[in-house]
N, C-alpha and C. Protein backbone atom coordinates (compact mmCIF):
# COMPACT_ATOMS: atom_id res chain seq x y z
N MET A 1 246.21 153.49 178.90
CA MET A 1 244.92 153.79 179.52
C MET A 1 244.90 153.35 180.97
N LYS A 2 244.51 154.23 181.86
CA LYS A 2 244.48 153.99 183.28
C LYS A 2 243.15 153.51 183.70
N ILE A 3 243.03 152.35 184.40
CA ILE A 3 241.82 151.82 184.86
C ILE A 3 241.60 152.24 186.30
N GLU A 4 240.46 152.92 186.55
CA GLU A 4 240.16 153.33 187.94
C GLU A 4 239.56 152.17 188.67
N PRO A 5 239.91 152.01 190.01
CA PRO A 5 239.24 150.94 190.84
C PRO A 5 237.84 151.24 191.08
N ARG A 6 237.07 150.23 191.19
CA ARG A 6 235.63 150.39 191.40
C ARG A 6 235.39 151.04 192.80
N LYS A 7 234.38 151.94 192.89
CA LYS A 7 234.01 152.55 194.09
C LYS A 7 232.54 152.29 194.33
N TYR A 8 232.17 152.07 195.60
CA TYR A 8 230.77 151.79 195.91
C TYR A 8 230.38 152.76 197.01
N PHE A 9 229.10 153.17 196.93
CA PHE A 9 228.62 154.14 197.95
C PHE A 9 227.29 153.63 198.49
N TYR A 10 227.11 153.77 199.82
CA TYR A 10 225.92 153.34 200.45
C TYR A 10 225.51 154.44 201.34
N ASP A 11 224.26 154.97 201.15
CA ASP A 11 223.83 156.10 201.82
C ASP A 11 222.67 155.75 202.81
N THR A 12 222.71 156.32 203.97
CA THR A 12 221.62 156.29 204.92
C THR A 12 221.31 157.62 205.41
N GLU A 13 220.10 157.74 206.08
CA GLU A 13 219.67 159.00 206.64
C GLU A 13 219.02 158.61 207.97
N VAL A 14 219.38 159.36 209.02
CA VAL A 14 218.88 159.21 210.37
C VAL A 14 218.09 160.43 210.81
N GLU A 15 216.87 160.36 211.22
CA GLU A 15 216.08 161.52 211.71
C GLU A 15 215.73 161.30 213.17
N TRP A 16 216.09 162.26 214.04
CA TRP A 16 215.66 162.17 215.42
C TRP A 16 214.17 162.38 215.52
N ILE A 17 213.53 161.48 216.41
CA ILE A 17 212.04 161.59 216.54
C ILE A 17 211.67 162.16 217.94
N THR A 18 212.18 161.45 219.02
CA THR A 18 211.84 161.88 220.33
C THR A 18 212.80 161.16 221.27
N GLU A 19 212.96 161.77 222.46
CA GLU A 19 213.95 161.23 223.42
C GLU A 19 215.29 160.81 222.86
N ARG A 20 215.65 159.58 222.90
CA ARG A 20 216.86 159.06 222.24
C ARG A 20 216.51 158.11 221.18
N LYS A 21 215.48 158.36 220.38
CA LYS A 21 215.02 157.49 219.31
C LYS A 21 215.02 158.19 218.01
N GLY A 22 215.11 157.45 216.92
CA GLY A 22 215.18 158.02 215.60
C GLY A 22 214.72 156.93 214.62
N ILE A 23 214.76 157.34 213.34
CA ILE A 23 214.35 156.44 212.22
C ILE A 23 215.49 156.52 211.26
N MET A 24 216.04 155.24 210.85
CA MET A 24 217.06 155.19 209.78
C MET A 24 216.32 154.82 208.52
N ARG A 25 216.77 155.51 207.44
CA ARG A 25 216.10 155.26 206.12
C ARG A 25 217.26 155.17 205.06
N THR A 26 216.86 154.54 204.00
CA THR A 26 217.63 154.56 202.78
C THR A 26 216.63 154.34 201.68
N LYS A 27 216.91 154.85 200.52
CA LYS A 27 215.97 154.82 199.37
C LYS A 27 215.64 153.38 198.98
N GLY A 28 214.36 153.08 198.91
CA GLY A 28 213.95 151.76 198.40
C GLY A 28 213.87 150.70 199.40
N MET A 29 214.07 151.02 200.71
CA MET A 29 214.08 149.92 201.71
C MET A 29 213.18 150.37 202.92
N PRO A 30 212.70 149.37 203.68
CA PRO A 30 211.90 149.73 204.82
C PRO A 30 212.71 150.57 205.87
N ASP A 31 212.06 151.52 206.56
CA ASP A 31 212.70 152.28 207.61
C ASP A 31 212.94 151.31 208.79
N ILE A 32 213.96 151.69 209.58
CA ILE A 32 214.36 151.01 210.84
C ILE A 32 214.29 151.93 212.00
N ASP A 33 213.50 151.60 213.09
CA ASP A 33 213.56 152.38 214.28
C ASP A 33 214.89 152.14 214.97
N VAL A 34 215.59 153.25 215.43
CA VAL A 34 216.86 153.14 216.07
C VAL A 34 216.95 153.92 217.29
N ALA A 35 217.79 153.53 218.22
CA ALA A 35 217.85 154.26 219.50
C ALA A 35 219.16 153.97 220.10
N CYS A 36 219.52 154.77 221.17
CA CYS A 36 220.67 154.50 222.02
C CYS A 36 220.36 153.23 222.75
N ALA A 37 221.41 152.50 223.07
CA ALA A 37 221.31 151.34 223.81
C ALA A 37 220.90 151.65 225.29
N PRO A 38 220.12 150.77 225.93
CA PRO A 38 219.66 151.02 227.35
C PRO A 38 220.85 151.37 228.22
N GLU A 39 222.06 150.70 228.02
CA GLU A 39 223.16 151.00 228.85
C GLU A 39 223.65 152.39 228.74
N PHE A 40 223.28 153.14 227.71
CA PHE A 40 223.74 154.47 227.53
C PHE A 40 222.50 155.42 227.62
N GLY A 41 221.52 155.06 228.35
CA GLY A 41 220.34 155.91 228.55
C GLY A 41 219.25 155.82 227.49
N GLY A 42 219.37 154.81 226.65
CA GLY A 42 218.46 154.62 225.62
C GLY A 42 217.26 153.66 225.87
N HIS A 43 216.80 152.98 224.86
CA HIS A 43 215.62 152.29 224.92
C HIS A 43 215.85 150.86 224.58
N LYS A 44 215.11 149.92 225.27
CA LYS A 44 215.20 148.46 224.93
C LYS A 44 214.15 148.23 223.83
N ASP A 45 214.33 147.10 223.15
CA ASP A 45 213.43 146.61 222.16
C ASP A 45 213.49 147.53 220.89
N ILE A 46 214.55 148.28 220.71
CA ILE A 46 214.76 149.11 219.43
C ILE A 46 216.18 148.83 218.98
N TRP A 47 216.41 148.71 217.69
CA TRP A 47 217.74 148.47 217.14
C TRP A 47 218.66 149.62 217.60
N THR A 48 219.86 149.23 218.06
CA THR A 48 220.94 150.17 218.48
C THR A 48 222.11 150.13 217.54
N PRO A 49 222.99 151.11 217.55
CA PRO A 49 224.12 151.05 216.70
C PRO A 49 225.00 149.85 217.07
N GLU A 50 225.02 149.47 218.31
CA GLU A 50 225.82 148.33 218.75
C GLU A 50 225.29 147.07 218.13
N HIS A 51 224.02 146.82 218.18
CA HIS A 51 223.38 145.66 217.50
C HIS A 51 223.61 145.69 216.02
N LEU A 52 223.39 146.81 215.35
CA LEU A 52 223.50 146.92 213.94
C LEU A 52 224.99 146.65 213.57
N PHE A 53 225.97 147.10 214.34
CA PHE A 53 227.37 146.81 214.02
C PHE A 53 227.66 145.30 214.00
N VAL A 54 227.28 144.68 215.13
CA VAL A 54 227.48 143.20 215.14
C VAL A 54 226.67 142.52 214.05
N GLY A 55 225.44 142.92 213.82
CA GLY A 55 224.62 142.42 212.81
C GLY A 55 225.25 142.51 211.45
N SER A 56 225.73 143.67 211.12
CA SER A 56 226.38 143.90 209.81
C SER A 56 227.54 142.98 209.52
N ILE A 57 228.36 142.55 210.59
CA ILE A 57 229.30 141.58 210.38
C ILE A 57 228.73 140.28 210.19
N GLU A 58 227.74 139.90 210.84
CA GLU A 58 227.03 138.64 210.70
C GLU A 58 226.42 138.46 209.34
N ILE A 59 225.70 139.59 208.87
CA ILE A 59 225.14 139.57 207.62
C ILE A 59 226.19 139.46 206.50
N CYS A 60 227.32 140.18 206.68
CA CYS A 60 228.40 140.12 205.66
C CYS A 60 228.97 138.71 205.54
N THR A 61 229.08 138.15 206.74
CA THR A 61 229.57 136.65 206.72
C THR A 61 228.66 135.82 205.98
N MET A 62 227.36 135.90 206.20
CA MET A 62 226.37 135.08 205.48
C MET A 62 226.36 135.37 203.99
N SER A 63 226.24 136.63 203.66
CA SER A 63 226.15 136.98 202.22
C SER A 63 227.47 136.65 201.46
N THR A 64 228.59 136.84 202.18
CA THR A 64 229.80 136.41 201.43
C THR A 64 229.92 134.87 201.31
N PHE A 65 229.52 134.13 202.38
CA PHE A 65 229.43 132.65 202.28
C PHE A 65 228.58 132.32 201.05
N LEU A 66 227.33 132.85 200.96
CA LEU A 66 226.42 132.54 199.90
C LEU A 66 226.98 132.86 198.45
N PHE A 67 227.68 134.01 198.42
CA PHE A 67 228.32 134.38 197.16
C PHE A 67 229.35 133.34 196.74
N LEU A 68 230.23 132.96 197.73
CA LEU A 68 231.26 132.02 197.43
C LEU A 68 230.71 130.60 197.11
N ALA A 69 229.73 130.26 197.91
CA ALA A 69 228.99 128.93 197.67
C ALA A 69 228.47 128.80 196.17
N HIS A 70 227.92 129.98 195.74
CA HIS A 70 227.33 130.03 194.40
C HIS A 70 228.48 129.79 193.37
N LYS A 71 229.58 130.56 193.66
CA LYS A 71 230.70 130.38 192.76
C LYS A 71 231.23 128.88 192.67
N GLU A 72 231.14 128.26 193.83
CA GLU A 72 231.60 126.82 193.92
C GLU A 72 230.50 125.82 193.51
N LYS A 73 229.29 126.39 193.12
CA LYS A 73 228.15 125.52 192.75
C LYS A 73 227.76 124.61 193.93
N LEU A 74 227.87 125.11 195.17
CA LEU A 74 227.61 124.36 196.37
C LEU A 74 226.08 124.59 196.70
N GLU A 75 225.38 123.48 196.86
CA GLU A 75 224.01 123.53 197.30
C GLU A 75 223.98 123.28 198.81
N ILE A 76 223.32 124.03 199.59
CA ILE A 76 223.20 123.79 201.04
C ILE A 76 221.76 123.67 201.41
N ALA A 77 221.55 122.97 202.49
CA ALA A 77 220.13 122.76 203.05
C ALA A 77 219.73 123.93 203.91
N SER A 78 220.66 124.52 204.62
CA SER A 78 220.28 125.66 205.51
C SER A 78 221.60 126.31 205.99
N TYR A 79 221.50 127.57 206.34
CA TYR A 79 222.51 128.42 206.90
C TYR A 79 221.84 129.20 208.02
N LYS A 80 222.44 129.22 209.25
CA LYS A 80 221.90 129.96 210.36
C LYS A 80 223.15 130.31 211.22
N SER A 81 223.13 131.51 211.80
CA SER A 81 224.25 131.88 212.55
C SER A 81 223.86 132.68 213.83
N THR A 82 224.76 132.80 214.72
CA THR A 82 224.64 133.73 215.85
C THR A 82 225.97 134.58 215.82
N ALA A 83 225.90 135.74 216.44
CA ALA A 83 227.06 136.54 216.55
C ALA A 83 227.05 137.25 217.93
N LYS A 84 228.32 137.52 218.42
CA LYS A 84 228.40 138.23 219.69
C LYS A 84 229.58 139.18 219.57
N GLY A 85 229.33 140.36 220.00
CA GLY A 85 230.43 141.42 220.10
C GLY A 85 230.61 141.73 221.47
N GLU A 86 231.88 141.84 221.94
CA GLU A 86 232.19 142.25 223.31
C GLU A 86 232.89 143.60 223.18
N ALA A 87 232.28 144.49 223.97
CA ALA A 87 232.82 145.90 224.01
C ALA A 87 233.33 146.12 225.47
N SER A 88 234.49 146.89 225.54
CA SER A 88 235.00 147.18 226.88
C SER A 88 235.92 148.44 226.70
N MET A 89 236.28 148.97 227.84
CA MET A 89 237.08 150.21 227.86
C MET A 89 238.51 149.84 227.52
N VAL A 90 239.01 150.58 226.49
CA VAL A 90 240.40 150.40 226.09
C VAL A 90 241.00 151.71 225.86
N ASP A 91 242.11 152.02 226.52
CA ASP A 91 242.81 153.31 226.42
C ASP A 91 241.84 154.51 226.54
N GLY A 92 240.99 154.39 227.48
CA GLY A 92 240.09 155.43 227.81
C GLY A 92 238.80 155.68 226.92
N SER A 93 238.56 154.72 226.03
CA SER A 93 237.35 154.79 225.17
C SER A 93 236.80 153.43 225.09
N ILE A 94 235.47 153.32 224.93
CA ILE A 94 234.88 151.99 224.84
C ILE A 94 234.81 151.54 223.36
N ARG A 95 235.21 150.31 223.11
CA ARG A 95 235.27 149.85 221.75
C ARG A 95 235.00 148.29 221.73
N TYR A 96 234.73 147.83 220.58
CA TYR A 96 234.70 146.37 220.48
C TYR A 96 236.06 145.79 220.53
N VAL A 97 236.21 144.76 221.34
CA VAL A 97 237.54 143.98 221.50
C VAL A 97 237.44 142.63 220.94
N SER A 98 236.16 142.13 220.76
CA SER A 98 236.08 140.72 220.25
C SER A 98 234.82 140.67 219.48
N LEU A 99 234.84 139.98 218.34
CA LEU A 99 233.62 139.69 217.50
C LEU A 99 233.69 138.27 217.07
N ILE A 100 232.64 137.51 217.29
CA ILE A 100 232.62 136.12 216.90
C ILE A 100 231.29 135.82 216.19
N VAL A 101 231.50 135.25 215.11
CA VAL A 101 230.25 134.79 214.27
C VAL A 101 230.28 133.25 214.29
N LYS A 102 229.21 132.60 214.53
CA LYS A 102 229.05 131.18 214.63
C LYS A 102 228.04 130.65 213.62
N PRO A 103 228.47 130.51 212.37
CA PRO A 103 227.45 129.89 211.51
C PRO A 103 227.40 128.43 211.54
N VAL A 104 226.19 127.91 211.30
CA VAL A 104 225.91 126.46 211.19
C VAL A 104 225.39 126.24 209.76
N VAL A 105 226.08 125.43 208.97
CA VAL A 105 225.70 125.15 207.60
C VAL A 105 225.32 123.67 207.53
N ASN A 106 224.10 123.47 206.98
CA ASN A 106 223.68 122.10 206.80
C ASN A 106 223.78 121.77 205.28
N ILE A 107 224.47 120.74 205.06
CA ILE A 107 224.75 120.32 203.66
C ILE A 107 223.99 119.08 203.26
N PHE A 108 223.87 118.79 202.05
CA PHE A 108 223.11 117.54 201.57
C PHE A 108 224.07 116.32 201.45
N LYS A 109 225.31 116.62 201.07
CA LYS A 109 226.26 115.52 200.90
C LYS A 109 227.55 115.68 201.70
N GLU A 110 227.92 114.64 202.33
CA GLU A 110 229.13 114.66 203.23
C GLU A 110 230.38 115.18 202.38
N GLU A 111 230.54 114.87 201.20
CA GLU A 111 231.64 115.31 200.45
C GLU A 111 231.76 116.83 200.21
N ASP A 112 230.66 117.56 200.51
CA ASP A 112 230.62 119.02 200.44
C ASP A 112 231.27 119.63 201.60
N ARG A 113 231.51 118.89 202.71
CA ARG A 113 232.10 119.49 203.92
C ARG A 113 233.43 120.21 203.65
N ALA A 114 234.27 119.65 202.80
CA ALA A 114 235.58 120.24 202.46
C ALA A 114 235.35 121.63 201.72
N VAL A 115 234.31 121.73 200.92
CA VAL A 115 234.06 122.89 200.16
C VAL A 115 233.64 124.00 201.16
N VAL A 116 232.71 123.61 202.08
CA VAL A 116 232.28 124.58 203.08
C VAL A 116 233.51 125.09 203.91
N ASP A 117 234.34 124.16 204.36
CA ASP A 117 235.51 124.61 205.09
C ASP A 117 236.43 125.52 204.30
N LYS A 118 236.56 125.24 202.97
CA LYS A 118 237.38 126.10 202.08
C LYS A 118 236.79 127.45 201.98
N ILE A 119 235.46 127.54 201.85
CA ILE A 119 234.79 128.84 201.75
C ILE A 119 235.04 129.64 203.04
N PHE A 120 234.79 129.01 204.18
CA PHE A 120 235.07 129.78 205.43
C PHE A 120 236.45 130.27 205.59
N ALA A 121 237.40 129.48 205.03
CA ALA A 121 238.81 129.86 205.11
C ALA A 121 239.08 131.14 204.29
N GLU A 122 238.23 131.32 203.21
CA GLU A 122 238.45 132.46 202.29
C GLU A 122 237.58 133.70 202.67
N ILE A 123 236.58 133.56 203.50
CA ILE A 123 235.74 134.70 203.79
C ILE A 123 236.39 135.87 204.30
N GLY A 124 237.39 135.76 205.11
CA GLY A 124 238.14 136.96 205.62
C GLY A 124 238.71 137.85 204.53
N ALA A 125 238.97 137.35 203.39
CA ALA A 125 239.55 138.12 202.26
C ALA A 125 238.46 138.84 201.48
N TRP A 126 237.22 138.37 201.66
CA TRP A 126 236.10 138.91 200.88
C TRP A 126 235.09 139.78 201.60
N CYS A 127 234.94 139.60 202.85
CA CYS A 127 233.96 140.35 203.60
C CYS A 127 234.41 141.80 203.82
N MET A 128 233.77 142.73 203.17
CA MET A 128 234.15 144.09 203.20
C MET A 128 234.02 144.72 204.61
N ILE A 129 232.95 144.36 205.35
CA ILE A 129 232.67 144.85 206.67
C ILE A 129 233.78 144.39 207.64
N SER A 130 234.12 143.13 207.64
CA SER A 130 235.14 142.61 208.58
C SER A 130 236.51 143.24 208.21
N ASN A 131 236.74 143.47 206.91
CA ASN A 131 238.03 144.05 206.52
C ASN A 131 238.12 145.52 206.89
N SER A 132 236.97 146.17 207.35
CA SER A 132 236.99 147.56 207.58
C SER A 132 237.13 147.92 209.05
N ILE A 133 237.32 146.95 209.90
CA ILE A 133 237.28 147.20 211.34
C ILE A 133 238.67 146.77 211.94
N ILE A 134 238.99 147.34 213.13
CA ILE A 134 240.13 146.90 213.75
C ILE A 134 240.18 145.53 214.51
N PRO A 135 239.21 145.21 215.35
CA PRO A 135 239.33 143.89 215.94
C PRO A 135 239.15 142.72 214.93
N GLU A 136 239.78 141.67 215.18
CA GLU A 136 239.70 140.49 214.26
C GLU A 136 238.33 139.86 214.51
N VAL A 137 237.70 139.50 213.36
CA VAL A 137 236.46 138.77 213.47
C VAL A 137 236.68 137.24 213.39
N ARG A 138 236.41 136.53 214.45
CA ARG A 138 236.54 135.12 214.49
C ARG A 138 235.28 134.43 213.92
N ILE A 139 235.43 133.49 213.04
CA ILE A 139 234.30 132.73 212.53
C ILE A 139 234.47 131.22 212.89
N GLU A 140 233.62 130.77 213.77
CA GLU A 140 233.68 129.40 214.28
C GLU A 140 232.45 128.69 213.64
N HIS A 141 232.74 128.20 212.48
CA HIS A 141 231.57 127.53 211.74
C HIS A 141 231.42 126.02 212.09
N MET A 142 230.22 125.55 211.84
CA MET A 142 229.97 124.15 212.05
C MET A 142 229.26 123.68 210.75
N VAL A 143 229.57 122.43 210.37
CA VAL A 143 228.93 121.92 209.15
C VAL A 143 228.18 120.66 209.59
N LYS A 144 226.94 120.54 209.18
CA LYS A 144 226.16 119.40 209.37
C LYS A 144 225.67 118.76 208.14
N CYS A 145 225.56 117.45 208.14
CA CYS A 145 225.06 116.74 206.99
C CYS A 145 224.03 115.75 207.48
N ASP A 146 222.77 116.10 207.22
CA ASP A 146 221.65 115.20 207.64
C ASP A 146 221.19 114.36 206.49
N VAL A 147 222.13 113.37 206.17
CA VAL A 147 221.74 112.48 205.14
C VAL A 147 220.87 111.41 205.50
């Protein structure tokens, strides 16, 4: 008997509204206003593909951390992160050349610090979004224990 690998599908729909603005939708979730970035003739204060790309890596890092923390039975006080993507011209086209996610995890017990470090060492193998892109995603985490 041959076992087929699992396949996952994620659908979105984008509808142009006016100028360089649109709405992104998917079934069962709130709509998101989207636009071209101001640098490319778009609008400020509206989600752009550039922000959503960096954000998807940051969200994947958090959700993967929380998944692995649950597997390790690790309880945390908080998780917060920032992310930055750097894009520049490479071989005649603009692309991301650097992506850095900086999570800060606050733990309850100092002895959990090693578990957090272990989880962040494993995230690269688990995060589907980071595994699907060319530039390496650097994760520079910090662990705090406010005992």
